[in-house]
Protein backbone atom coordinates (compact mmCIF):
# COMPACT_ATOMS: atom_id res chain seq x y z
CA MET A 1 85.60 130.91 162.92
CA LYS A 2 87.32 132.84 165.63
CA PRO A 3 85.13 134.11 168.50
CA ARG A 4 86.30 137.71 168.05
CA ILE A 5 85.13 137.59 164.42
CA TYR A 6 81.66 136.54 165.59
CA PHE A 7 81.68 139.35 168.14
CA LEU A 8 82.54 141.88 165.43
CA ILE A 9 79.85 140.50 163.12
CA VAL A 10 77.17 140.70 165.81
CA LEU A 11 78.32 144.18 166.83
CA LEU A 12 78.50 145.62 163.32
CA ILE A 13 75.88 143.78 161.23
CA ILE A 14 72.96 146.14 161.92
CA PRO A 15 74.87 149.45 161.59
CA VAL A 16 76.62 148.34 158.38
CA GLN A 17 73.37 147.03 156.90
CA ALA A 18 71.52 150.22 157.79
CA SER A 19 74.15 152.77 156.82
CA LEU A 20 76.34 151.38 154.07
CA PHE A 21 73.87 149.12 152.31
CA SER A 22 71.06 151.68 152.27
CA ARG A 23 73.20 153.53 149.73
CA LEU A 24 73.31 150.42 147.55
CA SER A 25 69.55 150.42 147.22
CA LEU A 26 68.24 149.86 143.69
CA ALA A 27 64.58 150.89 143.31
CA GLY A 28 64.10 150.47 147.04
CA ILE A 29 65.59 146.96 147.08
CA LYS A 30 68.61 146.38 149.35
CA PRO A 31 70.78 143.29 149.53
CA ASP A 32 70.61 141.34 152.78
CA LEU A 33 74.12 141.47 154.20
CA ALA A 34 73.28 139.35 157.24
CA LEU A 35 71.92 136.50 155.13
CA ALA A 36 75.00 136.58 152.88
CA VAL A 37 77.29 136.53 155.94
CA ILE A 38 75.40 133.60 157.48
CA TYR A 39 75.65 131.71 154.19
CA ILE A 40 79.40 132.32 154.08
CA ILE A 41 79.75 131.21 157.71
CA GLY A 42 77.95 128.01 156.74
CA LEU A 43 80.35 127.37 153.88
CA LEU A 44 83.39 128.01 156.05
CA THR A 45 82.46 126.28 159.30
CA GLY A 46 79.75 123.66 159.16
CA PRO A 47 76.08 123.16 160.00
CA GLY A 48 76.13 123.44 163.80
CA GLU A 49 78.24 126.55 164.09
CA ALA A 50 76.46 128.23 161.17
CA ALA A 51 73.02 127.47 162.63
CA LEU A 52 74.03 129.01 165.96
CA ALA A 53 75.50 132.04 164.18
CA GLY A 54 72.30 132.39 162.14
CA ILE A 55 70.12 132.22 165.23
CA GLY A 56 72.29 134.77 167.02
CA ILE A 57 72.44 137.22 164.13
CA GLY A 58 68.71 136.75 163.47
CA LEU A 59 67.83 137.47 167.09
CA ILE A 60 70.00 140.60 167.05
CA GLN A 61 68.15 141.72 163.93
CA ASP A 62 64.78 140.96 165.55
CA ILE A 63 65.69 143.05 168.57
CA GLY A 64 67.08 145.86 166.41
CA SER A 65 64.04 146.03 164.14
CA ALA A 66 61.33 145.48 166.78
CA SER A 67 59.81 142.65 164.76
CA PHE A 68 58.59 139.27 165.96
CA ILE A 69 61.29 138.05 168.31
CA GLY A 70 62.60 134.77 166.99
CA LEU A 71 61.31 134.88 163.41
CA ASN A 72 64.60 136.02 161.87
CA GLY A 73 66.47 133.84 164.35
CA PHE A 74 64.54 130.80 163.16
CA THR A 75 64.86 131.50 159.44
CA ARG A 76 68.51 132.56 159.64
CA GLY A 77 69.31 129.50 161.73
CA LEU A 78 67.80 127.28 159.03
CA VAL A 79 69.80 129.08 156.34
CA GLY A 80 72.99 128.60 158.35
CA LEU A 81 72.21 124.93 158.90
CA CYS A 82 71.50 124.28 155.20
CA ALA A 83 74.51 126.30 154.04
CA GLY A 84 76.70 124.35 156.44
CA ILE A 85 75.39 121.05 155.12
CA PHE A 86 75.89 122.09 151.51
CA GLY A 87 79.30 123.54 152.29
CA ARG A 88 80.51 120.30 153.86
CA ARG A 89 79.09 117.93 151.29
CA VAL A 90 78.50 119.66 147.99
CA LEU A 91 79.78 123.16 147.45
CA ASP A 92 83.13 124.76 146.98
CA ILE A 93 83.68 128.32 148.17
CA SER A 94 84.72 129.40 144.66
CA SER A 95 81.81 127.74 142.87
CA PRO A 96 79.53 130.03 140.83
CA SER A 97 76.57 127.95 141.99
CA ASN A 98 76.79 129.82 145.30
CA LEU A 99 74.93 132.72 143.66
CA ILE A 100 72.00 130.46 142.82
CA LEU A 101 71.96 128.76 146.20
CA LEU A 102 72.19 132.00 148.18
CA ALA A 103 69.44 133.53 146.04
CA ALA A 104 67.31 130.42 146.63
CA PHE A 105 67.84 130.66 150.40
CA SER A 106 66.90 134.34 150.34
CA LEU A 107 63.85 133.57 148.21
CA ALA A 108 62.73 130.77 150.54
CA GLU A 109 63.19 133.00 153.58
CA GLY A 110 61.23 135.83 151.98
CA LEU A 111 58.37 133.51 151.03
CA PHE A 112 58.30 131.96 154.50
CA ILE A 113 58.09 135.38 156.15
CA ALA A 114 55.39 136.52 153.69
CA LEU A 115 53.35 133.38 154.40
CA PHE A 116 53.83 133.90 158.13
CA MET A 117 52.54 137.47 157.79
CA GLN A 118 49.61 136.14 155.75
CA VAL A 119 48.67 133.81 158.61
CA ILE A 120 49.10 136.49 161.30
CA TYR A 121 47.64 139.55 159.55
CA GLY A 122 45.69 138.12 156.62
CA SER A 123 45.34 139.64 153.13
CA VAL A 124 49.05 140.12 152.47
CA PRO A 125 49.63 140.54 148.70
CA ILE A 126 52.12 137.67 148.41
CA PHE A 127 52.00 137.45 144.60
CA SER A 128 52.70 141.17 144.23
CA MET A 129 55.39 141.09 146.92
CA PHE A 130 57.09 138.17 145.23
CA PHE A 131 57.79 140.07 142.00
CA THR A 132 58.32 143.55 143.45
CA SER A 133 60.51 142.84 146.48
CA ILE A 134 61.18 139.18 147.37
CA LEU A 135 62.63 138.00 144.04
CA PRO A 136 64.72 141.13 143.32
CA GLN A 137 66.12 141.13 146.87
CA ALA A 138 66.99 137.43 146.55
CA LEU A 139 68.92 138.04 143.34
CA TYR A 140 70.64 141.12 144.77
CA THR A 141 71.63 139.19 147.90
CA GLY A 142 73.02 136.38 145.73
CA VAL A 143 75.21 138.85 143.85
CA LEU A 144 76.39 140.40 147.13
CA GLY A 145 77.26 136.96 148.49
CA ILE A 146 79.29 136.09 145.41
CA LEU A 147 81.19 139.39 145.68
CA LEU A 148 81.93 138.72 149.36
CA LEU A 149 83.11 135.19 148.54
CA ARG A 150 85.37 136.53 145.79
CA PHE A 151 86.81 139.06 148.25
CA ILE A 152 87.44 136.35 150.83
CA GLY A 153 89.10 134.12 148.24
CA SER A 154 91.26 136.78 146.63
CA ARG A 155 92.53 138.54 149.75
CA ASN A 156 93.47 135.42 151.71
CA VAL A 157 90.94 136.41 154.36
CA LEU A 158 90.05 132.75 154.79
CA ASN A 159 93.09 131.99 156.97
CA THR A 160 92.32 134.96 159.19
CA LEU A 161 88.76 133.77 159.79
CA ARG A 162 89.50 130.15 160.64
CA ARG A 163 90.50 129.00 164.10
CA HIS A 164 93.99 127.57 164.42
CA ALA A 165 92.58 124.18 165.50
CA LEU A 166 90.50 123.99 162.32
CA GLN A 167 93.46 124.98 160.16
CA LYS A 168 95.42 122.00 161.48
CA GLU A 169 92.56 119.63 160.61
CA LEU A 170 92.27 120.93 157.05
């Protein structure tokens, strides 16, 4: 993707997530825009670039939320890496299986963070959290990702996002 697109993503991801997506809350559950964007970056670019984008966006989120520095960077980097691998080898950007895969990545990230909190703080109600927040957020994020992919596919945004050098290769 073009460097200015990455700059805009890093600059706007936290304000858009906090302001616009707080209004999309259903029973206190909000979709994770950053995770959906990292997944899409992985599908469009490849594992290396998506992993770096995931680490960068995750670190910005860590700094913005005053959480453990590096936890979101680590998990988002892994999501970017896996999405890039699947995007290069298995998936098509228009495939409906993207909903399932994005929901699975969100679910895995949520479980990893819950287990991390269990180790650090102890007595975290993981079973309760799974059904009340982790699973619904994963499904909601999957739906958001599919809607963003449909938007990208229908509006010819894909050519705007890709670098000219990559367009020549494809």
